[in-house]
Amino acid sequence: MTTKQTYAAVRDDFDLAKIDTTFEGSFSDGVNACIECCDRHVSSGRAALNWIGSDGELRSVSYEYLKEQSACFANMLKAQGVGPGDRVACLLPRVSELLVTMLGSGLVLAS
């Protein structure tokens, strides 16, 4: 069982070097958000996002789905000639496809 800590206790104990060891990459070499936020959680079988639409629609999105769809989006961007150094803009409401777009763009632009 974990005990809750106060903000002050967490702040006082904060050490960037300790956090850096929990990532696949490193702060000095670069951290890939798609790997850290999605890919490393795929095997957990948990929902990455539980979404409630403005019309009351409920949707649960798995890490596996996000990984698969963001890879598809990244491949589409690559097929259009998008690569590192380019800019990708999107205008989407707060739906799961927004995460797919952000993670897929990160995959392309970080490669």
PDB file of N, CA and C in Angstrom:
ATOM      1  N   MET A   1       0.827  -1.176   0.000  1.00  0.00           N
ATOM      2  CA  MET A   1       0.000   0.000   0.000  1.00  0.00           C
ATOM      3  C   MET A   1       0.877   1.246   0.000  1.00  0.00           C
ATOM      4  N   THR A   2       0.571   2.175  -0.875  1.00  0.00           N
ATOM      5  CA  THR A   2       1.358   3.402  -0.918  1.00  0.00           C
ATOM      6  C   THR A   2       0.705   4.462  -0.044  1.00  0.00           C
ATOM      7  N   THR A   3       1.540   5.280   0.549  1.00  0.00           N
ATOM      8  CA  THR A   3       1.019   6.363   1.365  1.00  0.00           C
ATOM      9  C   THR A   3       1.069   7.649   0.554  1.00  0.00           C
ATOM     10  N   LYS A   4       0.081   8.486   0.739  1.00  0.00           N
ATOM     11  CA  LYS A   4       0.046   9.770   0.036  1.00  0.00           C
ATOM     12  C   LYS A   4       1.033  10.714   0.682  1.00  0.00           C
ATOM     13  N   GLN A   5       1.735  11.438  -0.178  1.00  0.00           N
ATOM     14  CA  GLN A   5       2.685  12.427   0.308  1.00  0.00           C
ATOM     15  C   GLN A   5       2.126  13.819   0.041  1.00  0.00           C
ATOM     16  N   THR A   6       2.543  14.745   0.837  1.00  0.00           N
ATOM     17  CA  THR A   6       2.135  16.120   0.595  1.00  0.00           C
ATOM     18  C   THR A   6       2.945  16.678  -0.568  1.00  0.00           C
ATOM     19  N   TYR A   7       2.417  17.719  -1.173  1.00  0.00           N
ATOM     20  CA  TYR A   7       3.134  18.377  -2.261  1.00  0.00           C
ATOM     21  C   TYR A   7       4.523  18.824  -1.809  1.00  0.00           C
ATOM     22  N   ALA A   8       4.589  19.410  -0.627  1.00  0.00           N
ATOM     23  CA  ALA A   8       5.867  19.904  -0.111  1.00  0.00           C
ATOM     24  C   ALA A   8       6.886  18.766   0.029  1.00  0.00           C
ATOM     25  N   ALA A   9       6.440  17.608   0.498  1.00  0.00           N
ATOM     26  CA  ALA A   9       7.355  16.471   0.662  1.00  0.00           C
ATOM     27  C   ALA A   9       7.857  15.981  -0.693  1.00  0.00           C
ATOM     28  N   VAL A  10       6.967  15.906  -1.657  1.00  0.00           N
ATOM     29  CA  VAL A  10       7.370  15.463  -2.999  1.00  0.00           C
ATOM     30  C   VAL A  10       8.323  16.480  -3.612  1.00  0.00           C
ATOM     31  N   ARG A  11       7.998  17.751  -3.481  1.00  0.00           N
ATOM     32  CA  ARG A  11       8.856  18.819  -4.019  1.00  0.00           C
ATOM     33  C   ARG A  11      10.250  18.756  -3.397  1.00  0.00           C
ATOM     34  N   ASP A  12      10.310  18.601  -2.098  1.00  0.00           N
ATOM     35  CA  ASP A  12      11.605  18.583  -1.411  1.00  0.00           C
ATOM     36  C   ASP A  12      12.438  17.366  -1.790  1.00  0.00           C
ATOM     37  N   ASP A  13      11.763  16.252  -2.133  1.00  0.00           N
ATOM     38  CA  ASP A  13      12.455  15.011  -2.493  1.00  0.00           C
ATOM     39  C   ASP A  13      12.721  14.913  -3.999  1.00  0.00           C
ATOM     40  N   PHE A  14      12.255  15.899  -4.777  1.00  0.00           N
ATOM     41  CA  PHE A  14      12.373  15.838  -6.229  1.00  0.00           C
ATOM     42  C   PHE A  14      13.833  15.808  -6.663  1.00  0.00           C
ATOM     43  N   ASP A  15      14.153  14.855  -7.535  1.00  0.00           N
ATOM     44  CA  ASP A  15      15.505  14.721  -8.077  1.00  0.00           C
ATOM     45  C   ASP A  15      15.377  14.314  -9.543  1.00  0.00           C
ATOM     46  N   LEU A  16      15.734  15.204 -10.440  1.00  0.00           N
ATOM     47  CA  LEU A  16      15.596  14.946 -11.867  1.00  0.00           C
ATOM     48  C   LEU A  16      16.399  13.719 -12.300  1.00  0.00           C
ATOM     49  N   ALA A  17      17.523  13.472 -11.678  1.00  0.00           N
ATOM     50  CA  ALA A  17      18.348  12.306 -12.030  1.00  0.00           C
ATOM     51  C   ALA A  17      17.602  11.004 -11.732  1.00  0.00           C
ATOM     52  N   LYS A  18      16.830  10.957 -10.638  1.00  0.00           N
ATOM     53  CA  LYS A  18      16.052   9.756 -10.318  1.00  0.00           C
ATOM     54  C   LYS A  18      14.950   9.528 -11.343  1.00  0.00           C
ATOM     55  N   ILE A  19      14.295  10.595 -11.744  1.00  0.00           N
ATOM     56  CA  ILE A  19      13.225  10.483 -12.735  1.00  0.00           C
ATOM     57  C   ILE A  19      13.785  10.052 -14.082  1.00  0.00           C
ATOM     58  N   ASP A  20      14.934  10.571 -14.444  1.00  0.00           N
ATOM     59  CA  ASP A  20      15.568  10.253 -15.723  1.00  0.00           C
ATOM     60  C   ASP A  20      15.780   8.753 -15.897  1.00  0.00           C
ATOM     61  N   THR A  21      16.027   8.039 -14.813  1.00  0.00           N
ATOM     62  CA  THR A  21      16.284   6.599 -14.905  1.00  0.00           C
ATOM     63  C   THR A  21      15.012   5.796 -15.194  1.00  0.00           C
ATOM     64  N   THR A  22      13.843   6.405 -15.044  1.00  0.00           N
ATOM     65  CA  THR A  22      12.596   5.677 -15.283  1.00  0.00           C
ATOM     66  C   THR A  22      12.183   5.699 -16.759  1.00  0.00           C
ATOM     67  N   PHE A  23      12.847   6.502 -17.587  1.00  0.00           N
ATOM     68  CA  PHE A  23      12.503   6.612 -19.003  1.00  0.00           C
ATOM     69  C   PHE A  23      13.348   5.695 -19.861  1.00  0.00           C
ATOM     70  N   GLU A  24      12.805   5.328 -21.021  1.00  0.00           N
ATOM     71  CA  GLU A  24      13.568   4.547 -22.003  1.00  0.00           C
ATOM     72  C   GLU A  24      14.735   5.378 -22.525  1.00  0.00           C
ATOM     73  N   GLY A  25      14.468   6.645 -22.824  1.00  0.00           N
ATOM     74  CA  GLY A  25      15.510   7.568 -23.283  1.00  0.00           C
ATOM     75  C   GLY A  25      16.095   8.283 -22.079  1.00  0.00           C
ATOM     76  N   SER A  26      16.701   9.438 -22.335  1.00  0.00           N
ATOM     77  CA  SER A  26      17.218  10.244 -21.237  1.00  0.00           C
ATOM     78  C   SER A  26      17.008  11.707 -21.574  1.00  0.00           C
ATOM     79  N   PHE A  27      16.988  12.536 -20.557  1.00  0.00           N
ATOM     80  CA  PHE A  27      16.776  13.958 -20.796  1.00  0.00           C
ATOM     81  C   PHE A  27      17.906  14.546 -21.635  1.00  0.00           C
ATOM     82  N   SER A  28      19.120  14.047 -21.471  1.00  0.00           N
ATOM     83  CA  SER A  28      20.244  14.595 -22.231  1.00  0.00           C
ATOM     84  C   SER A  28      20.224  14.136 -23.688  1.00  0.00           C
ATOM     85  N   ASP A  29      19.789  12.896 -23.952  1.00  0.00           N
ATOM     86  CA  ASP A  29      19.769  12.380 -25.325  1.00  0.00           C
ATOM     87  C   ASP A  29      18.418  12.551 -26.004  1.00  0.00           C
ATOM     88  N   GLY A  30      17.385  12.798 -25.238  1.00  0.00           N
ATOM     89  CA  GLY A  30      16.042  12.980 -25.779  1.00  0.00           C
ATOM     90  C   GLY A  30      15.097  11.908 -25.273  1.00  0.00           C
ATOM     91  N   VAL A  31      13.885  12.312 -25.018  1.00  0.00           N
ATOM     92  CA  VAL A  31      12.839  11.419 -24.549  1.00  0.00           C
ATOM     93  C   VAL A  31      11.746  11.410 -25.599  1.00  0.00           C
ATOM     94  N   ASN A  32      11.374  10.229 -26.071  1.00  0.00           N
ATOM     95  CA  ASN A  32      10.325  10.097 -27.063  1.00  0.00           C
ATOM     96  C   ASN A  32       8.998   9.952 -26.333  1.00  0.00           C
ATOM     97  N   ALA A  33       8.131  10.947 -26.489  1.00  0.00           N
ATOM     98  CA  ALA A  33       6.853  10.956 -25.767  1.00  0.00           C
ATOM     99  C   ALA A  33       5.982   9.769 -26.138  1.00  0.00           C
ATOM    100  N   CYS A  34       6.041   9.316 -27.392  1.00  0.00           N
ATOM    101  CA  CYS A  34       5.202   8.188 -27.809  1.00  0.00           C
ATOM    102  C   CYS A  34       5.606   6.917 -27.055  1.00  0.00           C
ATOM    103  N   ILE A  35       6.880   6.710 -26.897  1.00  0.00           N
ATOM    104  CA  ILE A  35       7.352   5.535 -26.154  1.00  0.00           C
ATOM    105  C   ILE A  35       6.997   5.669 -24.669  1.00  0.00           C
ATOM    106  N   GLU A  36       7.279   6.831 -24.102  1.00  0.00           N
ATOM    107  CA  GLU A  36       7.070   7.020 -22.670  1.00  0.00           C
ATOM    108  C   GLU A  36       5.591   7.075 -22.281  1.00  0.00           C
ATOM    109  N   CYS A  37       4.761   7.663 -23.124  1.00  0.00           N
ATOM    110  CA  CYS A  37       3.342   7.838 -22.790  1.00  0.00           C
ATOM    111  C   CYS A  37       2.458   6.700 -23.267  1.00  0.00           C
ATOM    112  N   CYS A  38       2.958   5.889 -24.186  1.00  0.00           N
ATOM    113  CA  CYS A  38       2.080   4.895 -24.788  1.00  0.00           C
ATOM    114  C   CYS A  38       2.731   3.517 -24.884  1.00  0.00           C
ATOM    115  N   ASP A  39       3.767   3.407 -25.685  1.00  0.00           N
ATOM    116  CA  ASP A  39       4.327   2.102 -26.046  1.00  0.00           C
ATOM    117  C   ASP A  39       4.715   1.241 -24.852  1.00  0.00           C
ATOM    118  N   ARG A  40       5.298   1.820 -23.850  1.00  0.00           N
ATOM    119  CA  ARG A  40       5.764   0.994 -22.730  1.00  0.00           C
ATOM    120  C   ARG A  40       4.632   0.484 -21.849  1.00  0.00           C
ATOM    121  N   HIS A  41       3.409   0.961 -22.099  1.00  0.00           N
ATOM    122  CA  HIS A  41       2.256   0.526 -21.320  1.00  0.00           C
ATOM    123  C   HIS A  41       1.357  -0.447 -22.076  1.00  0.00           C
ATOM    124  N   VAL A  42       1.701  -0.780 -23.322  1.00  0.00           N
ATOM    125  CA  VAL A  42       0.844  -1.617 -24.167  1.00  0.00           C
ATOM    126  C   VAL A  42       0.530  -2.955 -23.515  1.00  0.00           C
ATOM    127  N   SER A  43       1.506  -3.580 -22.933  1.00  0.00           N
ATOM    128  CA  SER A  43       1.299  -4.922 -22.370  1.00  0.00           C
ATOM    129  C   SER A  43       0.442  -4.918 -21.105  1.00  0.00           C
ATOM    130  N   SER A  44       0.172  -3.743 -20.548  1.00  0.00           N
ATOM    131  CA  SER A  44      -0.614  -3.682 -19.313  1.00  0.00           C
ATOM    132  C   SER A  44      -2.080  -4.050 -19.541  1.00  0.00           C
ATOM    133  N   GLY A  45      -2.564  -3.892 -20.778  1.00  0.00           N
ATOM    134  CA  GLY A  45      -3.954  -4.177 -21.079  1.00  0.00           C
ATOM    135  C   GLY A  45      -4.924  -3.148 -20.514  1.00  0.00           C
ATOM    136  N   ARG A  46      -4.406  -2.072 -19.971  1.00  0.00           N
ATOM    137  CA  ARG A  46      -5.244  -1.039 -19.359  1.00  0.00           C
ATOM    138  C   ARG A  46      -5.700  -0.002 -20.376  1.00  0.00           C
ATOM    139  N   ALA A  47      -6.703   0.730 -19.997  1.00  0.00           N
ATOM    140  CA  ALA A  47      -7.181   1.830 -20.831  1.00  0.00           C
ATOM    141  C   ALA A  47      -6.234   3.015 -20.689  1.00  0.00           C
ATOM    142  N   ALA A  48      -5.888   3.599 -21.813  1.00  0.00           N
ATOM    143  CA  ALA A  48      -5.068   4.802 -21.805  1.00  0.00           C
ATOM    144  C   ALA A  48      -5.938   6.030 -21.599  1.00  0.00           C
ATOM    145  N   LEU A  49      -7.181   5.928 -22.065  1.00  0.00           N
ATOM    146  CA  LEU A  49      -8.077   7.068 -22.014  1.00  0.00           C
ATOM    147  C   LEU A  49      -9.516   6.589 -21.897  1.00  0.00           C
ATOM    148  N   ASN A  50     -10.222   7.139 -20.947  1.00  0.00           N
ATOM    149  CA  ASN A  50     -11.662   6.933 -20.850  1.00  0.00           C
ATOM    150  C   ASN A  50     -12.294   8.267 -21.193  1.00  0.00           C
ATOM    151  N   TRP A  51     -13.060   8.280 -22.278  1.00  0.00           N
ATOM    152  CA  TRP A  51     -13.543   9.520 -22.863  1.00  0.00           C
ATOM    153  C   TRP A  51     -15.059   9.573 -22.814  1.00  0.00           C
ATOM    154  N   ILE A  52     -15.592  10.735 -22.471  1.00  0.00           N
ATOM    155  CA  ILE A  52     -17.034  10.969 -22.487  1.00  0.00           C
ATOM    156  C   ILE A  52     -17.280  12.138 -23.422  1.00  0.00           C
ATOM    157  N   GLY A  53     -17.997  11.876 -24.513  1.00  0.00           N
ATOM    158  CA  GLY A  53     -18.297  12.913 -25.493  1.00  0.00           C
ATOM    159  C   GLY A  53     -19.353  13.880 -24.987  1.00  0.00           C
ATOM    160  N   SER A  54     -19.466  15.009 -25.672  1.00  0.00           N
ATOM    161  CA  SER A  54     -20.459  16.011 -25.274  1.00  0.00           C
ATOM    162  C   SER A  54     -21.881  15.481 -25.395  1.00  0.00           C
ATOM    163  N   ASP A  55     -22.069  14.439 -26.226  1.00  0.00           N
ATOM    164  CA  ASP A  55     -23.393  13.824 -26.376  1.00  0.00           C
ATOM    165  C   ASP A  55     -23.599  12.651 -25.419  1.00  0.00           C
ATOM    166  N   GLY A  56     -22.628  12.434 -24.515  1.00  0.00           N
ATOM    167  CA  GLY A  56     -22.728  11.355 -23.546  1.00  0.00           C
ATOM    168  C   GLY A  56     -22.117  10.041 -23.998  1.00  0.00           C
ATOM    169  N   GLU A  57     -21.587  10.014 -25.237  1.00  0.00           N
ATOM    170  CA  GLU A  57     -20.940   8.799 -25.747  1.00  0.00           C
ATOM    171  C   GLU A  57     -19.745   8.450 -24.862  1.00  0.00           C
ATOM    172  N   LEU A  58     -19.634   7.180 -24.504  1.00  0.00           N
ATOM    173  CA  LEU A  58     -18.506   6.695 -23.705  1.00  0.00           C
ATOM    174  C   LEU A  58     -17.573   5.910 -24.607  1.00  0.00           C
ATOM    175  N   ARG A  59     -16.284   6.166 -24.476  1.00  0.00           N
ATOM    176  CA  ARG A  59     -15.313   5.418 -25.267  1.00  0.00           C
ATOM    177  C   ARG A  59     -14.077   5.148 -24.407  1.00  0.00           C
ATOM    178  N   SER A  60     -13.613   3.932 -24.443  1.00  0.00           N
ATOM    179  CA  SER A  60     -12.389   3.558 -23.747  1.00  0.00           C
ATOM    180  C   SER A  60     -11.347   3.219 -24.805  1.00  0.00           C
ATOM    181  N   VAL A  61     -10.202   3.857 -24.700  1.00  0.00           N
ATOM    182  CA  VAL A  61      -9.144   3.684 -25.692  1.00  0.00           C
ATOM    183  C   VAL A  61      -7.949   3.015 -25.014  1.00  0.00           C
ATOM    184  N   SER A  62      -7.494   1.899 -25.569  1.00  0.00           N
ATOM    185  CA  SER A  62      -6.373   1.165 -24.975  1.00  0.00           C
ATOM    186  C   SER A  62      -5.039   1.728 -25.451  1.00  0.00           C
ATOM    187  N   TYR A  63      -4.000   1.420 -24.702  1.00  0.00           N
ATOM    188  CA  TYR A  63      -2.646   1.798 -25.119  1.00  0.00           C
ATOM    189  C   TYR A  63      -2.301   1.122 -26.444  1.00  0.00           C
ATOM    190  N   GLU A  64      -2.743  -0.101 -26.606  1.00  0.00           N
ATOM    191  CA  GLU A  64      -2.483  -0.834 -27.848  1.00  0.00           C
ATOM    192  C   GLU A  64      -3.089  -0.105 -29.045  1.00  0.00           C
ATOM    193  N   TYR A  65      -4.324   0.364 -28.902  1.00  0.00           N
ATOM    194  CA  TYR A  65      -4.990   1.105 -29.975  1.00  0.00           C
ATOM    195  C   TYR A  65      -4.225   2.393 -30.281  1.00  0.00           C
ATOM    196  N   LEU A  66      -3.821   3.139 -29.248  1.00  0.00           N
ATOM    197  CA  LEU A  66      -3.070   4.368 -29.467  1.00  0.00           C
ATOM    198  C   LEU A  66      -1.761   4.101 -30.191  1.00  0.00           C
ATOM    199  N   LYS A  67      -1.058   3.039 -29.796  1.00  0.00           N
ATOM    200  CA  LYS A  67       0.211   2.708 -30.446  1.00  0.00           C
ATOM    201  C   LYS A  67      -0.024   2.371 -31.917  1.00  0.00           C
ATOM    202  N   GLU A  68      -1.019   1.539 -32.186  1.00  0.00           N
ATOM    203  CA  GLU A  68      -1.317   1.119 -33.560  1.00  0.00           C
ATOM    204  C   GLU A  68      -1.730   2.310 -34.422  1.00  0.00           C
ATOM    205  N   GLN A  69      -2.638   3.119 -33.923  1.00  0.00           N
ATOM    206  CA  GLN A  69      -3.149   4.242 -34.707  1.00  0.00           C
ATOM    207  C   GLN A  69      -2.109   5.353 -34.877  1.00  0.00           C
ATOM    208  N   SER A  70      -1.293   5.600 -33.862  1.00  0.00           N
ATOM    209  CA  SER A  70      -0.264   6.629 -34.006  1.00  0.00           C
ATOM    210  C   SER A  70       0.808   6.182 -34.998  1.00  0.00           C
ATOM    211  N   ALA A  71       1.101   4.884 -35.055  1.00  0.00           N
ATOM    212  CA  ALA A  71       2.048   4.374 -36.054  1.00  0.00           C
ATOM    213  C   ALA A  71       1.471   4.530 -37.461  1.00  0.00           C
ATOM    214  N   CYS A  72       0.174   4.272 -37.617  1.00  0.00           N
ATOM    215  CA  CYS A  72      -0.484   4.467 -38.922  1.00  0.00           C
ATOM    216  C   CYS A  72      -0.429   5.930 -39.334  1.00  0.00           C
ATOM    217  N   PHE A  73      -0.699   6.826 -38.385  1.00  0.00           N
ATOM    218  CA  PHE A  73      -0.660   8.257 -38.695  1.00  0.00           C
ATOM    219  C   PHE A  73       0.761   8.684 -39.052  1.00  0.00           C
ATOM    220  N   ALA A  74       1.748   8.174 -38.320  1.00  0.00           N
ATOM    221  CA  ALA A  74       3.144   8.493 -38.614  1.00  0.00           C
ATOM    222  C   ALA A  74       3.525   8.020 -40.015  1.00  0.00           C
ATOM    223  N   ASN A  75       3.091   6.831 -40.386  1.00  0.00           N
ATOM    224  CA  ASN A  75       3.386   6.313 -41.723  1.00  0.00           C
ATOM    225  C   ASN A  75       2.730   7.160 -42.806  1.00  0.00           C
ATOM    226  N   MET A  76       1.523   7.659 -42.548  1.00  0.00           N
ATOM    227  CA  MET A  76       0.856   8.534 -43.504  1.00  0.00           C
ATOM    228  C   MET A  76       1.644   9.835 -43.675  1.00  0.00           C
ATOM    229  N   LEU A  77       2.119  10.396 -42.553  1.00  0.00           N
ATOM    230  CA  LEU A  77       2.916  11.613 -42.643  1.00  0.00           C
ATOM    231  C   LEU A  77       4.205  11.380 -43.433  1.00  0.00           C
ATOM    232  N   LYS A  78       4.862  10.255 -43.149  1.00  0.00           N
ATOM    233  CA  LYS A  78       6.097   9.926 -43.875  1.00  0.00           C
ATOM    234  C   LYS A  78       5.826   9.785 -45.369  1.00  0.00           C
ATOM    235  N   ALA A  79       4.708   9.166 -45.727  1.00  0.00           N
ATOM    236  CA  ALA A  79       4.347   8.995 -47.136  1.00  0.00           C
ATOM    237  C   ALA A  79       4.103  10.344 -47.810  1.00  0.00           C
ATOM    238  N   GLN A  80       3.737  11.349 -47.022  1.00  0.00           N
ATOM    239  CA  GLN A  80       3.527  12.699 -47.553  1.00  0.00           C
ATOM    240  C   GLN A  80       4.818  13.519 -47.556  1.00  0.00           C
ATOM    241  N   GLY A  81       5.924  12.896 -47.124  1.00  0.00           N
ATOM    242  CA  GLY A  81       7.215  13.584 -47.139  1.00  0.00           C
ATOM    243  C   GLY A  81       7.547  14.351 -45.875  1.00  0.00           C
ATOM    244  N   VAL A  82       6.774  14.175 -44.820  1.00  0.00           N
ATOM    245  CA  VAL A  82       7.047  14.860 -43.557  1.00  0.00           C
ATOM    246  C   VAL A  82       8.180  14.144 -42.837  1.00  0.00           C
ATOM    247  N   GLY A  83       9.099  14.910 -42.282  1.00  0.00           N
ATOM    248  CA  GLY A  83      10.229  14.317 -41.578  1.00  0.00           C
ATOM    249  C   GLY A  83      10.744  15.234 -40.490  1.00  0.00           C
ATOM    250  N   PRO A  84      11.841  14.843 -39.854  1.00  0.00           N
ATOM    251  CA  PRO A  84      12.425  15.651 -38.784  1.00  0.00           C
ATOM    252  C   PRO A  84      12.676  17.083 -39.253  1.00  0.00           C
ATOM    253  N   GLY A  85      12.359  18.026 -38.397  1.00  0.00           N
ATOM    254  CA  GLY A  85      12.539  19.437 -38.718  1.00  0.00           C
ATOM    255  C   GLY A  85      11.292  20.087 -39.304  1.00  0.00           C
ATOM    256  N   ASP A  86      10.357  19.285 -39.789  1.00  0.00           N
ATOM    257  CA  ASP A  86       9.109  19.821 -40.320  1.00  0.00           C
ATOM    258  C   ASP A  86       8.153  20.147 -39.181  1.00  0.00           C
ATOM    259  N   ARG A  87       7.127  20.901 -39.506  1.00  0.00           N
ATOM    260  CA  ARG A  87       6.099  21.226 -38.523  1.00  0.00           C
ATOM    261  C   ARG A  87       4.793  20.568 -38.938  1.00  0.00           C
ATOM    262  N   VAL A  88       4.091  20.056 -37.959  1.00  0.00           N
ATOM    263  CA  VAL A  88       2.792  19.444 -38.194  1.00  0.00           C
ATOM    264  C   VAL A  88       1.797  20.172 -37.297  1.00  0.00           C
ATOM    265  N   ALA A  89       0.709  20.617 -37.890  1.00  0.00           N
ATOM    266  CA  ALA A  89      -0.341  21.289 -37.124  1.00  0.00           C
ATOM    267  C   ALA A  89      -1.629  20.495 -37.253  1.00  0.00           C
ATOM    268  N   CYS A  90      -2.416  20.491 -36.206  1.00  0.00           N
ATOM    269  CA  CYS A  90      -3.713  19.825 -36.272  1.00  0.00           C
ATOM    270  C   CYS A  90      -4.727  20.657 -35.514  1.00  0.00           C
ATOM    271  N   LEU A  91      -5.948  20.580 -35.953  1.00  0.00           N
ATOM    272  CA  LEU A  91      -7.025  21.285 -35.288  1.00  0.00           C
ATOM    273  C   LEU A  91      -8.146  20.280 -35.051  1.00  0.00           C
ATOM    274  N   LEU A  92      -8.153  19.731 -33.853  1.00  0.00           N
ATOM    275  CA  LEU A  92      -9.128  18.716 -33.481  1.00  0.00           C
ATOM    276  C   LEU A  92      -9.711  19.050 -32.120  1.00  0.00           C
ATOM    277  N   PRO A  93     -10.949  18.655 -31.877  1.00  0.00           N
ATOM    278  CA  PRO A  93     -11.481  18.805 -30.516  1.00  0.00           C
ATOM    279  C   PRO A  93     -10.795  17.789 -29.602  1.00  0.00           C
ATOM    280  N   ARG A  94     -11.147  17.781 -28.355  1.00  0.00           N
ATOM    281  CA  ARG A  94     -10.534  16.854 -27.394  1.00  0.00           C
ATOM    282  C   ARG A  94     -11.156  15.467 -27.537  1.00  0.00           C
ATOM    283  N   VAL A  95     -10.653  14.758 -28.539  1.00  0.00           N
ATOM    284  CA  VAL A  95     -11.074  13.387 -28.823  1.00  0.00           C
ATOM    285  C   VAL A  95      -9.832  12.520 -28.889  1.00  0.00           C
ATOM    286  N   SER A  96     -10.005  11.209 -28.890  1.00  0.00           N
ATOM    287  CA  SER A  96      -8.853  10.304 -28.880  1.00  0.00           C
ATOM    288  C   SER A  96      -7.972  10.493 -30.109  1.00  0.00           C
ATOM    289  N   GLU A  97      -8.555  10.901 -31.219  1.00  0.00           N
ATOM    290  CA  GLU A  97      -7.761  11.112 -32.432  1.00  0.00           C
ATOM    291  C   GLU A  97      -6.748  12.242 -32.273  1.00  0.00           C
ATOM    292  N   LEU A  98      -7.002  13.161 -31.360  1.00  0.00           N
ATOM    293  CA  LEU A  98      -6.029  14.204 -31.072  1.00  0.00           C
ATOM    294  C   LEU A  98      -4.749  13.585 -30.512  1.00  0.00           C
ATOM    295  N   LEU A  99      -4.896  12.625 -29.592  1.00  0.00           N
ATOM    296  CA  LEU A  99      -3.719  11.932 -29.045  1.00  0.00           C
ATOM    297  C   LEU A  99      -2.989  11.155 -30.138  1.00  0.00           C
ATOM    298  N   VAL A 100      -3.739  10.501 -31.019  1.00  0.00           N
ATOM    299  CA  VAL A 100      -3.144   9.760 -32.127  1.00  0.00           C
ATOM    300  C   VAL A 100      -2.311  10.709 -32.984  1.00  0.00           C
ATOM    301  N   THR A 101      -2.856  11.874 -33.271  1.00  0.00           N
ATOM    302  CA  THR A 101      -2.156  12.866 -34.093  1.00  0.00           C
ATOM    303  C   THR A 101      -0.892  13.363 -33.410  1.00  0.00           C
ATOM    304  N   MET A 102      -0.990  13.670 -32.128  1.00  0.00           N
ATOM    305  CA  MET A 102       0.180  14.168 -31.397  1.00  0.00           C
ATOM    306  C   MET A 102       1.268  13.103 -31.300  1.00  0.00           C
ATOM    307  N   LEU A 103       0.893  11.890 -30.935  1.00  0.00           N
ATOM    308  CA  LEU A 103       1.887  10.826 -30.771  1.00  0.00           C
ATOM    309  C   LEU A 103       2.484  10.425 -32.123  1.00  0.00           C
ATOM    310  N   GLY A 104       1.650  10.319 -33.154  1.00  0.00           N
ATOM    311  CA  GLY A 104       2.146   9.963 -34.484  1.00  0.00           C
ATOM    312  C   GLY A 104       3.086  11.022 -35.045  1.00  0.00           C
ATOM    313  N   SER A 105       2.751  12.289 -34.814  1.00  0.00           N
ATOM    314  CA  SER A 105       3.636  13.370 -35.267  1.00  0.00           C
ATOM    315  C   SER A 105       4.973  13.286 -34.560  1.00  0.00           C
ATOM    316  N   GLY A 106       4.928  13.007 -33.275  1.00  0.00           N
ATOM    317  CA  GLY A 106       6.168  12.863 -32.515  1.00  0.00           C
ATOM    318  C   GLY A 106       7.036  11.731 -33.016  1.00  0.00           C
ATOM    319  N   LEU A 107       6.404  10.634 -33.431  1.00  0.00           N
ATOM    320  CA  LEU A 107       7.170   9.508 -33.985  1.00  0.00           C
ATOM    321  C   LEU A 107       7.941   9.910 -35.239  1.00  0.00           C
ATOM    322  N   VAL A 108       7.287  10.667 -36.100  1.00  0.00           N
ATOM    323  CA  VAL A 108       7.912  11.086 -37.364  1.00  0.00           C
ATOM    324  C   VAL A 108       8.983  12.123 -37.131  1.00  0.00           C
ATOM    325  N   LEU A 109       8.659  13.114 -36.328  1.00  0.00           N
ATOM    326  CA  LEU A 109       9.561  14.245 -36.160  1.00  0.00           C
ATOM    327  C   LEU A 109      10.768  13.913 -35.305  1.00  0.00           C
ATOM    328  N   ALA A 110      10.688  12.862 -34.518  1.00  0.00           N
ATOM    329  CA  ALA A 110      11.814  12.458 -33.672  1.00  0.00           C
ATOM    330  C   ALA A 110      12.720  11.442 -34.350  1.00  0.00           C
ATOM    331  N   SER A 111      12.271  10.895 -35.499  1.00  0.00           N
ATOM    332  CA  SER A 111      13.068   9.829 -36.131  1.00  0.00           C
ATOM    333  C   SER A 111      14.216  10.366 -36.939  1.00  0.00           C
TER     334      SER A 111
END
